[in-house]
Amino acid sequence: MAERRFSLCRFLRRRKKKESPETAPAQQPEEAEQSQPLQEDPGRDRTQEQDRARGHFRRAAQAFLKFLGIRRKRNTTRPTEVMAQPDPSPTELEADPDVTTAIPLTEEPTNSGAAPPDLTAEADTAMTEGTADTDLVPRESVNYAPTPDSFEENGVSSPEQVPAFVRNVHQRLTASATPEEKLLAEFLRVTDEHPADVVFTLLRCAPSCDRAAATLWKTITSSGRTVEKVLPQLLRVMEYWPWLSMSTSDGDETNVFALAATRVIWEILQMLQRPEPLKKYSPHLLVALLFQISISPEQMPEEVDTLWRECQKQYNLPTNSKRFAVLTLKALLCHIECEDVVLSMEQKHGWDTLLNSDTHHYAVGLLAREMRRASSPLFYPIALGVLRLLSREKPGWELPAMAFLVEILDCPDITEWRDSVLEILSRRLARSQCAEMHRLVLSGLTVLSKAPGMADGMQSLTPSLVELLWYTDRELVGMVLSLFINQVQDRDIPISTPTALRLAELLQTLFGHDNIHMQLLSIHLFRKVMELGVDKSKQLLKTHVIHSLLPLFFHWDNENQDVAEASREALLRAVGLLKRKDLVKLLKAEQPWRFSECLLEKDKRRAVEYLHQALSYLESPQEPVREAALRFIGIAGRYLKGQPEELQIAIDVIEGMTPDSAAVKSLARQTQEILRAVQRPQSSPGSSSLKITSRREAPLPEVSGELILGTPSDGTT
């Protein structure tokens, strides 16, 4: 028996030597080219004749073992045995040019004339292999799974076998540096038929994308049809940050890391030679990558952080996973022929801004503007993806998504989306407590308010907008005022009673704002409230309108002519609403110096209220306004007889005025003397006629026995 075995082995060796590559007929170039895509290293792969010889040898060996009555024992390769295999040397990895490929860039010059950023150098820094081919977490031995040999012989006959097949193929490639073409061809066939099971299983057993997994992903990328089936599955994982809970056909429910899918997208981008497979899914991939970049370190689960540390350790990737996502985003933009956008973002420091959690949404808005400027055909599909994410209210992504959305609202092609956009903006305005979100929402609403047909829908936002007027943020309040002005400008839209009353109360606090634009907006809007308030509200508005008379009167003397004119128009509307024909006549006759006397004469009971209003304007930044307030206080003093406490308050406030010009100081002293004269019981009001003048008032007629403010005919003080 031993002699027969020795003879058979010697015969087999002679036959193998006879069929060696040196003696085998040369392979035709066309055949070699067809088999090349499925080979990882042409220098180490066997020829077809070698495969044929190996098949002959295997069949002969199996026949010999059968002759001896010995059955071959098939054992599943354990993970510990796979990890014990020697790693490929750095020289072997360097000899494989397809493991890490530079990002393809277009050869056409950019619009700006400058060369695109050197993404190849970044890719080389980020993707240097040559480390152990181990997974992040070793899996338990799967003894129940069929062996690779049984798959080769029988193929995958049911979906339940797919996960076990993928795991075994990965283990086999981990143990052998040279992939078998037949095994990879079967893997490609199975992936084409069961893309979800293959993707989820491979991401589970190799989340860090080791060398064996990279070979399998390269095999998938070699087939345009298969990669188009795989991309939506990867995208599905990426969108469910930080992981997707999805059961495969064998019942495995282990979480699939979104970051692992991003790692695979990077590998695919390095291997993909044509952009066609990406065109359909690139908008969704871009949105998913932007979302991952927006994740703050505090939102990063420990398991994801551990995964990335392993990836960084194995492949010398960026220490920050967000930087890797930015690198992948750049590669994606270059693949879809958006090199100009990449360059422009680089020149404007957009990529660095994108990495900062506080400024991330600004960078997303910049990216939207650059894509729009470049007339990218992906601009609108990306915007639709952003709308979809905002509709799902995905935490952590709302601010950057809103920043992108705001940049497209004035585009004519989004007319059909406006109702959906308005609903999204309304929800964010009512629920969010973030000032930046409010600012972005108001920017979007301002654009929509100018569009025809949006007025009715905007009215439902009024209560939320009114509440924002209480904010101390000047920019935010200004945006709210502008939005209201856009709503009522050149439109006869009635303002409901609750809204009119609320606005009338809040707007008066802004009349004396130190910002001219805010003053103008608040005064214009107040006039619109009086004009467009429904009949029922006009009667209720009178209290607020009376309280607005003095502020509007003081701003008649505003140094800014626009504010002065707006105040005059609003004041005329106010006295008309109050049906004070005497005041209307004075204002139209351009006799404002008599306004104070007439106002107090018919409304003596409000003298204290008016006095307190005037005192608040003594600290106005404008000298003419301070002068107008002092003149009114002097006139109001004679209506406060018998109220020494109120008079003393006025005297003290004037005493504490900020040091001013000589003219204002002189007017302040005269006003104090008038108030003290009224305050003294022993003084006779008719014993003197103290007259106070301003630099621009015409003379008032003297009233016998009364203290008046005016200028005598000779012009002296």
Foldseek 3Di string as FASTA:
>chain_A
DVVVVVVLVVVLVVVLVCLDPVNPDDDDPVVCVVLPLLWQAVVPDDDPSNVVSVVVSVVSVVVVCVVVVHDDDDFQDWLVNLQPADDDALVVVVNGALQFFFQDFDPDADPVRDDFPRLRVVSCLAFAFGFRQAALDGDGGDRVADAQVVCLVPNDDDQLNVLSLLVRQLSVCSNDVTDDSSSLVSLLVVCLVPVLQNLQSLCVRHLLCGPSNLSSLSSQLSDLSSVLVNVVNLLVQLQPPQWDQDAGSNGDRDTGGNLSSLSSLLSSSRNHDALVSVPVCLLSLLLSLLLVLLDDPVNDDPVNLSSVVVSCVRGVHDNDSSVVSLSSNQSSCSNLPNSVLSRVCVVVVLSVLCNDNVRNLVSLLVSLVSCVVVVPPCSVVNLVSLLVCLVVVDPSCVSSSLSNNLNCLLPPVCPVCVVSLLVSLLVCLVPDPDPSSLLSSLSSLLSVLQDPPCLVVCLVSLVSLLVQLVDPPPVSNLSSLSSLCSSQPPDLDADEQVSLQSLLVSLLVQCLPPDPSSNLSSLVVNLSSCVRYDPVNLVVCLVSLLLNQLSLLLQCQPPDPSSVVSSLVSNLSSCVSVVVVVLNVCSVVVASVCNLVVVCVVPLVCLLVLLVVLLVQCQRPDPSSNLVSLQSLLVSLLSCQPPLVSLVVSLVSLVPRDDDDPQSVVSSVLSNVSNVQSNDPPHQQQPDAREADDPDHAADDDDHSHHHYGADPVRDD
